[in-house]
């Protein structure tokens, strides 16, 4: 069996190693350069997770045809901003029946598509597409730390296929069918994490972060409900689980970017320094637009959008958010 991982960032690298224990070969597609050379020459990614030694049956290429040819399953692990352009290059080589699992989190700017919808728009056959999410940082998964994720798919056979490929004694896989709920949780939690990082960087304490996370999960639930997903998904691994780890962990690029923002850093500077894409920054804009389109109150998301994309003073915006008059704790989810 051959599994192809499209994307050679931290998560793509970790998931390639995870899959390698269950299949004959794993091919990692990358734009080329250092990652391909390192994986093929030293079994290491020279850019991400540089201390992690990949299994011998993992190899890399910059060729879509080489990577995808003969693949029994494809795992997508590229940032949301690049997913469409990458799939446009890969699509001619992807067979209609090949199952696809996306690890990418976000909402496409302009279309409002969730990542599974974007994938289906590019390669068709939406019933063979699944999504994976949960409280799992690549830095810990590759070290064998106990972690868990949920795979949601329209077709249960797709979820079970990728569960078989990725399950291990340290990486627990649960399955479900609520793609909308899982993907909305995955996208919006990154926004909440940036705000938590900012407030932590400004010296606010644990009470404040718990407040923001709790109000954040309420905001996510309203969006999930309005988009047609199940609010109970927000209580699971893709919701509360991923929200907690993303808002609190030093591995979280969204949390640490928020801290950098509090200390005067910029998005461009942070991404250049870390070589990582801050998904929550793009999501602040796309989620805010979606919220307006579907008539959902999303004050935390709107606040971050003003700071990152409208040039409003962060001190002014976050002070207004903190001073916001409390309403009913649960609202916006009535049938």
C-alpha atoms as a PDB file:
ATOM      1  CA  UNK A   1       0.000   0.000   0.000  1.00  0.00           C
ATOM      2  CA  UNK A   2       1.176   3.517  -0.817  1.00  0.00           C
ATOM      3  CA  UNK A   3       0.049   6.682   0.949  1.00  0.00           C
ATOM      4  CA  UNK A   4       0.889  10.105  -0.439  1.00  0.00           C
ATOM      5  CA  UNK A   5       1.215  13.090   1.884  1.00  0.00           C
ATOM      6  CA  UNK A   6       0.958  16.390   0.035  1.00  0.00           C
ATOM      7  CA  UNK A   7       2.825  18.960   2.113  1.00  0.00           C
ATOM      8  CA  UNK A   8       6.130  18.793   3.972  1.00  0.00           C
ATOM      9  CA  UNK A   9       5.513  21.123   6.897  1.00  0.00           C
ATOM     10  CA  UNK A  10       5.510  20.000  10.512  1.00  0.00           C
ATOM     11  CA  UNK A  11       2.157  18.243  10.343  1.00  0.00           C
ATOM     12  CA  UNK A  12       2.836  16.651   6.972  1.00  0.00           C
ATOM     13  CA  UNK A  13       6.163  15.345   8.248  1.00  0.00           C
ATOM     14  CA  UNK A  14       4.687  13.939  11.473  1.00  0.00           C
ATOM     15  CA  UNK A  15       1.717  12.315   9.746  1.00  0.00           C
ATOM     16  CA  UNK A  16       4.021  10.737   7.148  1.00  0.00           C
ATOM     17  CA  UNK A  17       5.915   9.041   9.961  1.00  0.00           C
ATOM     18  CA  UNK A  18       2.657   7.979  11.576  1.00  0.00           C
ATOM     19  CA  UNK A  19       1.350   6.392   8.367  1.00  0.00           C
ATOM     20  CA  UNK A  20       4.670   4.703   7.588  1.00  0.00           C
ATOM     21  CA  UNK A  21       4.121   2.145  10.344  1.00  0.00           C
ATOM     22  CA  UNK A  22       1.046   0.754   8.556  1.00  0.00           C
ATOM     23  CA  UNK A  23       1.845   0.863   4.842  1.00  0.00           C
ATOM     24  CA  UNK A  24       4.581  -0.211   2.440  1.00  0.00           C
ATOM     25  CA  UNK A  25       5.614   3.283   1.428  1.00  0.00           C
ATOM     26  CA  UNK A  26       4.798   6.905   2.125  1.00  0.00           C
ATOM     27  CA  UNK A  27       5.652   9.553  -0.436  1.00  0.00           C
ATOM     28  CA  UNK A  28       5.811  13.172   0.710  1.00  0.00           C
ATOM     29  CA  UNK A  29       5.196  15.761  -1.974  1.00  0.00           C
ATOM     30  CA  UNK A  30       6.982  19.065  -1.399  1.00  0.00           C
ATOM     31  CA  UNK A  31       7.704  22.192  -3.408  1.00  0.00           C
ATOM     32  CA  UNK A  32      11.274  20.879  -3.473  1.00  0.00           C
ATOM     33  CA  UNK A  33      14.577  22.105  -2.114  1.00  0.00           C
ATOM     34  CA  UNK A  34      15.773  21.325   1.383  1.00  0.00           C
ATOM     35  CA  UNK A  35      12.830  19.209   2.494  1.00  0.00           C
ATOM     36  CA  UNK A  36      13.091  16.765  -0.412  1.00  0.00           C
ATOM     37  CA  UNK A  37      16.877  16.547  -0.160  1.00  0.00           C
ATOM     38  CA  UNK A  38      16.797  15.994   3.585  1.00  0.00           C
ATOM     39  CA  UNK A  39      14.068  13.351   3.570  1.00  0.00           C
ATOM     40  CA  UNK A  40      15.696  11.369   0.747  1.00  0.00           C
ATOM     41  CA  UNK A  41      19.266  11.822   1.955  1.00  0.00           C
ATOM     42  CA  UNK A  42      19.142  11.716   5.756  1.00  0.00           C
ATOM     43  CA  UNK A  43      15.505  10.714   6.507  1.00  0.00           C
ATOM     44  CA  UNK A  44      15.049  14.156   8.077  1.00  0.00           C
ATOM     45  CA  UNK A  45      13.119  17.239   7.065  1.00  0.00           C
ATOM     46  CA  UNK A  46      15.751  19.987   7.142  1.00  0.00           C
ATOM     47  CA  UNK A  47      13.174  22.742   7.701  1.00  0.00           C
ATOM     48  CA  UNK A  48      10.520  21.323  10.049  1.00  0.00           C
ATOM     49  CA  UNK A  49      10.866  18.861  12.948  1.00  0.00           C
ATOM     50  CA  UNK A  50      14.557  18.714  12.121  1.00  0.00           C
ATOM     51  CA  UNK A  51      15.385  16.289  14.955  1.00  0.00           C
ATOM     52  CA  UNK A  52      12.756  13.755  13.872  1.00  0.00           C
ATOM     53  CA  UNK A  53      14.142  10.734  11.998  1.00  0.00           C
ATOM     54  CA  UNK A  54      11.593   9.450   9.484  1.00  0.00           C
ATOM     55  CA  UNK A  55      11.166   5.706   8.834  1.00  0.00           C
ATOM     56  CA  UNK A  56      13.074   4.207   5.916  1.00  0.00           C
ATOM     57  CA  UNK A  57       9.931   3.710   3.831  1.00  0.00           C
ATOM     58  CA  UNK A  58       9.277   7.476   3.596  1.00  0.00           C
ATOM     59  CA  UNK A  59      10.598   9.320   0.561  1.00  0.00           C
ATOM     60  CA  UNK A  60       9.961  12.715  -1.027  1.00  0.00           C
ATOM     61  CA  UNK A  61       9.560  14.297  -4.424  1.00  0.00           C
ATOM     62  CA  UNK A  62       8.610  17.619  -6.017  1.00  0.00           C
ATOM     63  CA  UNK A  63       6.751  15.817  -8.826  1.00  0.00           C
ATOM     64  CA  UNK A  64       2.983  15.471  -8.556  1.00  0.00           C
ATOM     65  CA  UNK A  65       3.012  12.539 -10.962  1.00  0.00           C
ATOM     66  CA  UNK A  66       5.650  10.627  -8.985  1.00  0.00           C
ATOM     67  CA  UNK A  67       3.996  11.372  -5.663  1.00  0.00           C
ATOM     68  CA  UNK A  68       0.420  10.518  -6.594  1.00  0.00           C
ATOM     69  CA  UNK A  69       0.973   7.682  -9.066  1.00  0.00           C
ATOM     70  CA  UNK A  70      -0.151   4.386  -7.536  1.00  0.00           C
ATOM     71  CA  UNK A  71      -1.369   6.010  -4.304  1.00  0.00           C
ATOM     72  CA  UNK A  72      -4.037   4.117  -2.362  1.00  0.00           C
ATOM     73  CA  UNK A  73      -4.823   7.203  -0.303  1.00  0.00           C
ATOM     74  CA  UNK A  74      -3.860  10.880  -0.240  1.00  0.00           C
ATOM     75  CA  UNK A  75      -3.393  13.086   2.825  1.00  0.00           C
ATOM     76  CA  UNK A  76      -3.411  16.860   2.339  1.00  0.00           C
ATOM     77  CA  UNK A  77      -1.263  18.888   4.733  1.00  0.00           C
ATOM     78  CA  UNK A  78      -0.615  22.254   3.112  1.00  0.00           C
ATOM     79  CA  UNK A  79      -1.680  25.675   4.473  1.00  0.00           C
ATOM     80  CA  UNK A  80      -5.175  26.774   3.488  1.00  0.00           C
ATOM     81  CA  UNK A  81      -3.940  29.734   1.433  1.00  0.00           C
ATOM     82  CA  UNK A  82      -2.044  27.371  -0.894  1.00  0.00           C
ATOM     83  CA  UNK A  83      -4.397  24.402  -0.968  1.00  0.00           C
ATOM     84  CA  UNK A  84      -6.302  25.371  -4.110  1.00  0.00           C
ATOM     85  CA  UNK A  85      -3.196  26.120  -6.174  1.00  0.00           C
ATOM     86  CA  UNK A  86      -1.530  22.883  -5.037  1.00  0.00           C
ATOM     87  CA  UNK A  87      -4.622  20.841  -5.880  1.00  0.00           C
ATOM     88  CA  UNK A  88      -4.851  22.441  -9.310  1.00  0.00           C
ATOM     89  CA  UNK A  89      -1.403  21.002  -9.994  1.00  0.00           C
ATOM     90  CA  UNK A  90      -2.163  17.643  -8.414  1.00  0.00           C
ATOM     91  CA  UNK A  91      -5.707  17.105  -9.735  1.00  0.00           C
ATOM     92  CA  UNK A  92      -4.801  15.572 -13.123  1.00  0.00           C
ATOM     93  CA  UNK A  93      -3.050  12.693 -11.332  1.00  0.00           C
ATOM     94  CA  UNK A  94      -5.698  11.955  -8.671  1.00  0.00           C
ATOM     95  CA  UNK A  95      -8.043   9.120  -9.594  1.00  0.00           C
ATOM     96  CA  UNK A  96     -11.775   9.674  -8.931  1.00  0.00           C
ATOM     97  CA  UNK A  97     -11.950   6.737  -6.499  1.00  0.00           C
ATOM     98  CA  UNK A  98      -8.847   7.547  -4.428  1.00  0.00           C
ATOM     99  CA  UNK A  99      -9.792   8.486  -0.825  1.00  0.00           C
ATOM    100  CA  UNK A 100      -8.496  11.851   0.340  1.00  0.00           C
ATOM    101  CA  UNK A 101      -7.991  13.096   3.895  1.00  0.00           C
ATOM    102  CA  UNK A 102      -7.404  16.775   4.572  1.00  0.00           C
ATOM    103  CA  UNK A 103      -5.519  18.026   7.618  1.00  0.00           C
ATOM    104  CA  UNK A 104      -5.730  21.648   6.449  1.00  0.00           C
ATOM    105  CA  UNK A 105      -7.731  24.000   8.647  1.00  0.00           C
ATOM    106  CA  UNK A 106      -9.456  27.147   7.483  1.00  0.00           C
ATOM    107  CA  UNK A 107     -12.159  28.765   5.385  1.00  0.00           C
ATOM    108  CA  UNK A 108     -11.346  29.921   1.887  1.00  0.00           C
ATOM    109  CA  UNK A 109     -11.436  33.686   1.483  1.00  0.00           C
ATOM    110  CA  UNK A 110     -14.036  34.782  -1.020  1.00  0.00           C
ATOM    111  CA  UNK A 111     -15.886  31.497  -1.518  1.00  0.00           C
ATOM    112  CA  UNK A 112     -16.452  30.732   2.166  1.00  0.00           C
ATOM    113  CA  UNK A 113     -15.657  27.089   1.420  1.00  0.00           C
ATOM    114  CA  UNK A 114     -14.570  24.750   4.167  1.00  0.00           C
ATOM    115  CA  UNK A 115     -11.463  22.801   3.209  1.00  0.00           C
ATOM    116  CA  UNK A 116     -13.370  19.638   2.252  1.00  0.00           C
ATOM    117  CA  UNK A 117     -15.588  21.754   0.002  1.00  0.00           C
ATOM    118  CA  UNK A 118     -12.538  23.369  -1.574  1.00  0.00           C
ATOM    119  CA  UNK A 119     -11.015  19.928  -2.189  1.00  0.00           C
ATOM    120  CA  UNK A 120     -14.242  18.666  -3.758  1.00  0.00           C
ATOM    121  CA  UNK A 121     -14.374  21.762  -5.954  1.00  0.00           C
ATOM    122  CA  UNK A 122     -10.899  20.929  -7.263  1.00  0.00           C
ATOM    123  CA  UNK A 123     -11.016  17.141  -7.628  1.00  0.00           C
ATOM    124  CA  UNK A 124     -14.695  16.147  -7.445  1.00  0.00           C
ATOM    125  CA  UNK A 125     -16.258  13.109  -5.737  1.00  0.00           C
ATOM    126  CA  UNK A 126     -16.910  14.740  -2.327  1.00  0.00           C
ATOM    127  CA  UNK A 127     -18.047  11.429  -0.836  1.00  0.00           C
ATOM    128  CA  UNK A 128     -14.423  10.177  -0.815  1.00  0.00           C
ATOM    129  CA  UNK A 129     -13.127  13.144   1.187  1.00  0.00           C
ATOM    130  CA  UNK A 130     -12.516  13.070   4.947  1.00  0.00           C
ATOM    131  CA  UNK A 131     -11.115  15.566   7.450  1.00  0.00           C
ATOM    132  CA  UNK A 132      -8.907  15.043  10.498  1.00  0.00           C
ATOM    133  CA  UNK A 133      -8.714  17.346  13.505  1.00  0.00           C
ATOM    134  CA  UNK A 134      -7.985  17.262  17.211  1.00  0.00           C
ATOM    135  CA  UNK A 135      -5.637  18.414  19.981  1.00  0.00           C
ATOM    136  CA  UNK A 136      -2.459  17.114  18.404  1.00  0.00           C
ATOM    137  CA  UNK A 137       0.682  19.169  17.835  1.00  0.00           C
ATOM    138  CA  UNK A 138       3.074  17.629  15.335  1.00  0.00           C
ATOM    139  CA  UNK A 139       5.985  18.124  17.734  1.00  0.00           C
ATOM    140  CA  UNK A 140       4.390  15.699  20.201  1.00  0.00           C
ATOM    141  CA  UNK A 141       2.863  13.212  17.755  1.00  0.00           C
ATOM    142  CA  UNK A 142       6.248  12.520  16.165  1.00  0.00           C
ATOM    143  CA  UNK A 143       7.718  11.814  19.626  1.00  0.00           C
ATOM    144  CA  UNK A 144       5.052   9.230  20.402  1.00  0.00           C
ATOM    145  CA  UNK A 145       3.217  11.309  23.012  1.00  0.00           C
ATOM    146  CA  UNK A 146      -0.329  10.108  23.672  1.00  0.00           C
ATOM    147  CA  UNK A 147      -2.602  12.077  21.341  1.00  0.00           C
ATOM    148  CA  UNK A 148      -6.017  11.747  19.709  1.00  0.00           C
ATOM    149  CA  UNK A 149      -7.897  12.968  16.658  1.00  0.00           C
ATOM    150  CA  UNK A 150     -11.281  12.618  15.010  1.00  0.00           C
ATOM    151  CA  UNK A 151     -11.781  11.744  11.348  1.00  0.00           C
ATOM    152  CA  UNK A 152     -15.084  12.857   9.863  1.00  0.00           C
ATOM    153  CA  UNK A 153     -16.308  11.714   6.461  1.00  0.00           C
ATOM    154  CA  UNK A 154     -19.584  11.429   4.592  1.00  0.00           C
ATOM    155  CA  UNK A 155     -18.762   7.802   3.781  1.00  0.00           C
ATOM    156  CA  UNK A 156     -17.900   5.788   6.917  1.00  0.00           C
ATOM    157  CA  UNK A 157     -15.603   3.573   4.828  1.00  0.00           C
ATOM    158  CA  UNK A 158     -13.368   6.575   4.105  1.00  0.00           C
ATOM    159  CA  UNK A 159     -13.044   7.392   7.803  1.00  0.00           C
ATOM    160  CA  UNK A 160     -12.307   3.753   8.638  1.00  0.00           C
ATOM    161  CA  UNK A 161      -9.684   3.512   5.868  1.00  0.00           C
ATOM    162  CA  UNK A 162      -7.675   6.441   7.194  1.00  0.00           C
ATOM    163  CA  UNK A 163      -8.218   5.299  10.781  1.00  0.00           C
ATOM    164  CA  UNK A 164      -6.502   2.042   9.854  1.00  0.00           C
ATOM    165  CA  UNK A 165      -3.650   3.960   8.220  1.00  0.00           C
ATOM    166  CA  UNK A 166      -3.000   6.258  11.196  1.00  0.00           C
ATOM    167  CA  UNK A 167      -4.129   4.488  14.388  1.00  0.00           C
ATOM    168  CA  UNK A 168      -1.460   3.459  16.892  1.00  0.00           C
ATOM    169  CA  UNK A 169      -1.071   2.879  20.604  1.00  0.00           C
ATOM    170  CA  UNK A 170      -0.132   6.536  21.054  1.00  0.00           C
ATOM    171  CA  UNK A 171      -2.349   8.128  18.369  1.00  0.00           C
ATOM    172  CA  UNK A 172      -6.000   7.366  19.041  1.00  0.00           C
ATOM    173  CA  UNK A 173      -8.428   7.890  16.170  1.00  0.00           C
ATOM    174  CA  UNK A 174     -12.168   8.395  16.598  1.00  0.00           C
ATOM    175  CA  UNK A 175     -14.594   8.650  13.675  1.00  0.00           C
ATOM    176  CA  UNK A 176     -17.667  10.753  12.949  1.00  0.00           C
ATOM    177  CA  UNK A 177     -19.766  12.193  10.131  1.00  0.00           C
ATOM    178  CA  UNK A 178     -20.070  15.901  11.023  1.00  0.00           C
ATOM    179  CA  UNK A 179     -17.612  17.395   8.528  1.00  0.00           C
ATOM    180  CA  UNK A 180     -19.096  20.879   8.896  1.00  0.00           C
ATOM    181  CA  UNK A 181     -18.812  20.863  12.685  1.00  0.00           C
ATOM    182  CA  UNK A 182     -15.277  19.484  12.710  1.00  0.00           C
ATOM    183  CA  UNK A 183     -14.043  21.923  10.074  1.00  0.00           C
ATOM    184  CA  UNK A 184     -15.709  24.996  11.559  1.00  0.00           C
ATOM    185  CA  UNK A 185     -14.190  24.163  14.945  1.00  0.00           C
ATOM    186  CA  UNK A 186     -10.774  23.688  13.347  1.00  0.00           C
ATOM    187  CA  UNK A 187     -10.882  27.031  11.564  1.00  0.00           C
ATOM    188  CA  UNK A 188     -12.273  29.279  14.283  1.00  0.00           C
ATOM    189  CA  UNK A 189     -10.237  27.927  17.205  1.00  0.00           C
ATOM    190  CA  UNK A 190      -7.106  29.405  15.600  1.00  0.00           C
ATOM    191  CA  UNK A 191      -8.682  32.853  15.789  1.00  0.00           C
ATOM    192  CA  UNK A 192      -9.466  32.406  19.478  1.00  0.00           C
ATOM    193  CA  UNK A 193      -5.898  31.221  20.113  1.00  0.00           C
ATOM    194  CA  UNK A 194      -4.372  34.396  18.674  1.00  0.00           C
ATOM    195  CA  UNK A 195      -6.533  36.498  20.986  1.00  0.00           C
ATOM    196  CA  UNK A 196      -5.553  34.327  23.970  1.00  0.00           C
ATOM    197  CA  UNK A 197      -1.894  34.727  23.063  1.00  0.00           C
ATOM    198  CA  UNK A 198      -2.275  38.479  22.788  1.00  0.00           C
ATOM    199  CA  UNK A 199      -3.959  38.778  26.181  1.00  0.00           C
ATOM    200  CA  UNK A 200      -1.355  36.497  27.782  1.00  0.00           C
ATOM    201  CA  UNK A 201       1.366  38.646  26.261  1.00  0.00           C
ATOM    202  CA  UNK A 202      -0.289  41.713  27.758  1.00  0.00           C
ATOM    203  CA  UNK A 203      -0.111  40.140  31.204  1.00  0.00           C
ATOM    204  CA  UNK A 204      -3.650  38.881  31.661  1.00  0.00           C
ATOM    205  CA  UNK A 205      -3.955  35.727  33.774  1.00  0.00           C
ATOM    206  CA  UNK A 206      -5.530  32.300  33.647  1.00  0.00           C
ATOM    207  CA  UNK A 207      -9.001  33.601  34.519  1.00  0.00           C
ATOM    208  CA  UNK A 208      -8.964  35.800  31.435  1.00  0.00           C
ATOM    209  CA  UNK A 209      -7.794  33.024  29.139  1.00  0.00           C
ATOM    210  CA  UNK A 210     -10.492  30.696  30.498  1.00  0.00           C
ATOM    211  CA  UNK A 211     -13.037  33.450  29.847  1.00  0.00           C
ATOM    212  CA  UNK A 212     -11.912  33.906  26.244  1.00  0.00           C
ATOM    213  CA  UNK A 213     -11.773  30.167  25.557  1.00  0.00           C
ATOM    214  CA  UNK A 214     -15.257  29.640  26.988  1.00  0.00           C
ATOM    215  CA  UNK A 215     -16.779  32.563  25.107  1.00  0.00           C
ATOM    216  CA  UNK A 216     -14.808  31.348  22.118  1.00  0.00           C
ATOM    217  CA  UNK A 217     -16.411  27.916  22.164  1.00  0.00           C
ATOM    218  CA  UNK A 218     -19.819  29.633  22.360  1.00  0.00           C
ATOM    219  CA  UNK A 219     -18.897  31.709  19.305  1.00  0.00           C
ATOM    220  CA  UNK A 220     -17.754  28.595  17.465  1.00  0.00           C
ATOM    221  CA  UNK A 221     -20.977  26.785  18.411  1.00  0.00           C
ATOM    222  CA  UNK A 222     -23.122  29.577  16.944  1.00  0.00           C
ATOM    223  CA  UNK A 223     -21.170  29.408  13.701  1.00  0.00           C
ATOM    224  CA  UNK A 224     -21.323  25.615  13.536  1.00  0.00           C
ATOM    225  CA  UNK A 225     -25.067  25.645  14.158  1.00  0.00           C
ATOM    226  CA  UNK A 226     -25.749  28.325  11.553  1.00  0.00           C
ATOM    227  CA  UNK A 227     -23.562  26.552   8.986  1.00  0.00           C
ATOM    228  CA  UNK A 228     -25.519  23.314   9.425  1.00  0.00           C
ATOM    229  CA  UNK A 229     -23.236  21.363  11.734  1.00  0.00           C
ATOM    230  CA  UNK A 230     -23.938  19.916  15.167  1.00  0.00           C
ATOM    231  CA  UNK A 231     -23.075  22.159  18.148  1.00  0.00           C
ATOM    232  CA  UNK A 232     -22.255  19.046  20.211  1.00  0.00           C
ATOM    233  CA  UNK A 233     -19.203  18.574  17.963  1.00  0.00           C
ATOM    234  CA  UNK A 234     -17.776  21.645  19.702  1.00  0.00           C
ATOM    235  CA  UNK A 235     -17.509  19.612  22.905  1.00  0.00           C
ATOM    236  CA  UNK A 236     -15.308  16.991  21.261  1.00  0.00           C
ATOM    237  CA  UNK A 237     -11.717  16.612  20.110  1.00  0.00           C
ATOM    238  CA  UNK A 238     -12.033  18.993  17.151  1.00  0.00           C
ATOM    239  CA  UNK A 239     -13.754  21.604  19.306  1.00  0.00           C
ATOM    240  CA  UNK A 240     -12.885  21.983  22.971  1.00  0.00           C
ATOM    241  CA  UNK A 241      -9.937  19.592  22.712  1.00  0.00           C
ATOM    242  CA  UNK A 242      -8.182  21.463  19.911  1.00  0.00           C
ATOM    243  CA  UNK A 243      -9.207  24.850  21.307  1.00  0.00           C
ATOM    244  CA  UNK A 244      -7.575  24.199  24.685  1.00  0.00           C
ATOM    245  CA  UNK A 245      -4.272  22.965  23.271  1.00  0.00           C
ATOM    246  CA  UNK A 246      -4.084  25.707  20.634  1.00  0.00           C
ATOM    247  CA  UNK A 247      -4.823  28.460  23.134  1.00  0.00           C
ATOM    248  CA  UNK A 248      -2.374  27.254  25.782  1.00  0.00           C
ATOM    249  CA  UNK A 249       0.558  25.424  24.172  1.00  0.00           C
ATOM    250  CA  UNK A 250       3.961  26.890  23.371  1.00  0.00           C
ATOM    251  CA  UNK A 251       3.878  24.701  20.234  1.00  0.00           C
ATOM    252  CA  UNK A 252       0.893  26.683  18.907  1.00  0.00           C
ATOM    253  CA  UNK A 253       1.900  29.140  16.196  1.00  0.00           C
ATOM    254  CA  UNK A 254      -1.407  30.972  16.665  1.00  0.00           C
ATOM    255  CA  UNK A 255      -0.934  31.391  20.424  1.00  0.00           C
ATOM    256  CA  UNK A 256       2.727  32.435  20.052  1.00  0.00           C
ATOM    257  CA  UNK A 257       1.883  34.845  17.235  1.00  0.00           C
ATOM    258  CA  UNK A 258      -0.644  36.475  19.567  1.00  0.00           C
ATOM    259  CA  UNK A 259       2.083  36.903  22.161  1.00  0.00           C
ATOM    260  CA  UNK A 260       4.356  38.422  19.518  1.00  0.00           C
ATOM    261  CA  UNK A 261       1.554  40.784  18.495  1.00  0.00           C
ATOM    262  CA  UNK A 262       1.243  41.982  22.082  1.00  0.00           C
ATOM    263  CA  UNK A 263       4.946  42.837  22.083  1.00  0.00           C
ATOM    264  CA  UNK A 264       4.771  44.874  18.889  1.00  0.00           C
ATOM    265  CA  UNK A 265       5.464  42.125  16.334  1.00  0.00           C
ATOM    266  CA  UNK A 266       3.793  41.881  12.945  1.00  0.00           C
ATOM    267  CA  UNK A 267       2.315  38.962  11.044  1.00  0.00           C
ATOM    268  CA  UNK A 268       4.869  39.271   8.238  1.00  0.00           C
ATOM    269  CA  UNK A 269       7.795  39.328  10.661  1.00  0.00           C
ATOM    270  CA  UNK A 270       6.494  36.355  12.650  1.00  0.00           C
ATOM    271  CA  UNK A 271       5.897  34.142   9.615  1.00  0.00           C
ATOM    272  CA  UNK A 272       9.277  35.013   8.119  1.00  0.00           C
ATOM    273  CA  UNK A 273      11.061  34.228  11.381  1.00  0.00           C
ATOM    274  CA  UNK A 274       9.289  30.932  12.088  1.00  0.00           C
ATOM    275  CA  UNK A 275       8.784  29.705   8.490  1.00  0.00           C
ATOM    276  CA  UNK A 276       5.223  28.890   9.523  1.00  0.00           C
ATOM    277  CA  UNK A 277       1.838  30.099   8.301  1.00  0.00           C
ATOM    278  CA  UNK A 278      -0.455  31.532  10.991  1.00  0.00           C
ATOM    279  CA  UNK A 279      -3.755  30.009   9.885  1.00  0.00           C
ATOM    280  CA  UNK A 280      -5.744  32.040  12.407  1.00  0.00           C
ATOM    281  CA  UNK A 281      -4.715  35.310  10.774  1.00  0.00           C
ATOM    282  CA  UNK A 282      -6.276  34.401   7.433  1.00  0.00           C
ATOM    283  CA  UNK A 283      -9.225  32.815   9.241  1.00  0.00           C
ATOM    284  CA  UNK A 284      -9.951  36.078  11.071  1.00  0.00           C
ATOM    285  CA  UNK A 285     -10.917  37.579   7.722  1.00  0.00           C
ATOM    286  CA  UNK A 286     -12.667  34.612   6.105  1.00  0.00           C
ATOM    287  CA  UNK A 287     -14.572  33.598   9.248  1.00  0.00           C
ATOM    288  CA  UNK A 288     -15.679  37.191   9.860  1.00  0.00           C
ATOM    289  CA  UNK A 289     -17.024  37.409   6.322  1.00  0.00           C
ATOM    290  CA  UNK A 290     -18.833  34.094   6.726  1.00  0.00           C
ATOM    291  CA  UNK A 291     -20.318  35.217  10.050  1.00  0.00           C
ATOM    292  CA  UNK A 292     -21.699  38.361   8.449  1.00  0.00           C
ATOM    293  CA  UNK A 293     -23.089  36.397   5.509  1.00  0.00           C
ATOM    294  CA  UNK A 294     -24.971  33.949   7.729  1.00  0.00           C
ATOM    295  CA  UNK A 295     -25.961  36.518  10.364  1.00  0.00           C
ATOM    296  CA  UNK A 296     -23.949  35.221  13.326  1.00  0.00           C
ATOM    297  CA  UNK A 297     -22.549  37.389  16.121  1.00  0.00           C
ATOM    298  CA  UNK A 298     -18.807  36.647  16.351  1.00  0.00           C
ATOM    299  CA  UNK A 299     -17.283  39.410  18.508  1.00  0.00           C
ATOM    300  CA  UNK A 300     -13.898  37.759  19.097  1.00  0.00           C
ATOM    301  CA  UNK A 301     -13.416  37.088  15.398  1.00  0.00           C
ATOM    302  CA  UNK A 302     -14.588  40.582  14.449  1.00  0.00           C
ATOM    303  CA  UNK A 303     -12.109  42.089  16.921  1.00  0.00           C
ATOM    304  CA  UNK A 304      -9.139  40.217  15.464  1.00  0.00           C
ATOM    305  CA  UNK A 305     -10.219  41.060  11.926  1.00  0.00           C
ATOM    306  CA  UNK A 306     -10.137  44.766  12.805  1.00  0.00           C
ATOM    307  CA  UNK A 307      -6.614  44.471  14.200  1.00  0.00           C
ATOM    308  CA  UNK A 308      -5.040  42.354  11.461  1.00  0.00           C
ATOM    309  CA  UNK A 309      -6.915  43.452   8.348  1.00  0.00           C
ATOM    310  CA  UNK A 310      -8.478  46.866   8.995  1.00  0.00           C
ATOM    311  CA  UNK A 311      -5.604  48.669  10.672  1.00  0.00           C
ATOM    312  CA  UNK A 312      -7.496  49.468  13.873  1.00  0.00           C
ATOM    313  CA  UNK A 313      -5.381  49.877  17.019  1.00  0.00           C
ATOM    314  CA  UNK A 314      -5.132  46.553  18.843  1.00  0.00           C
ATOM    315  CA  UNK A 315      -5.282  48.302  22.222  1.00  0.00           C
ATOM    316  CA  UNK A 316      -8.560  49.960  21.262  1.00  0.00           C
ATOM    317  CA  UNK A 317     -10.095  46.829  19.793  1.00  0.00           C
ATOM    318  CA  UNK A 318      -9.235  44.461  22.624  1.00  0.00           C
ATOM    319  CA  UNK A 319     -10.242  46.976  25.277  1.00  0.00           C
ATOM    320  CA  UNK A 320     -13.622  47.252  23.561  1.00  0.00           C
ATOM    321  CA  UNK A 321     -13.890  43.457  23.491  1.00  0.00           C
ATOM    322  CA  UNK A 322     -13.147  43.162  27.204  1.00  0.00           C
ATOM    323  CA  UNK A 323     -15.592  45.963  28.018  1.00  0.00           C
ATOM    324  CA  UNK A 324     -18.349  44.383  25.927  1.00  0.00           C
ATOM    325  CA  UNK A 325     -21.544  44.212  27.988  1.00  0.00           C
ATOM    326  CA  UNK A 326     -22.422  40.624  28.945  1.00  0.00           C
ATOM    327  CA  UNK A 327     -25.601  39.170  27.439  1.00  0.00           C
ATOM    328  CA  UNK A 328     -27.184  35.746  27.900  1.00  0.00           C
ATOM    329  CA  UNK A 329     -24.512  33.066  28.173  1.00  0.00           C
ATOM    330  CA  UNK A 330     -26.085  30.868  25.507  1.00  0.00           C
ATOM    331  CA  UNK A 331     -27.734  32.553  22.555  1.00  0.00           C
ATOM    332  CA  UNK A 332     -27.910  32.244  18.782  1.00  0.00           C
ATOM    333  CA  UNK A 333     -28.463  28.479  18.666  1.00  0.00           C
ATOM    334  CA  UNK A 334     -32.248  28.263  18.806  1.00  0.00           C
ATOM    335  CA  UNK A 335     -33.934  26.255  16.060  1.00  0.00           C
END
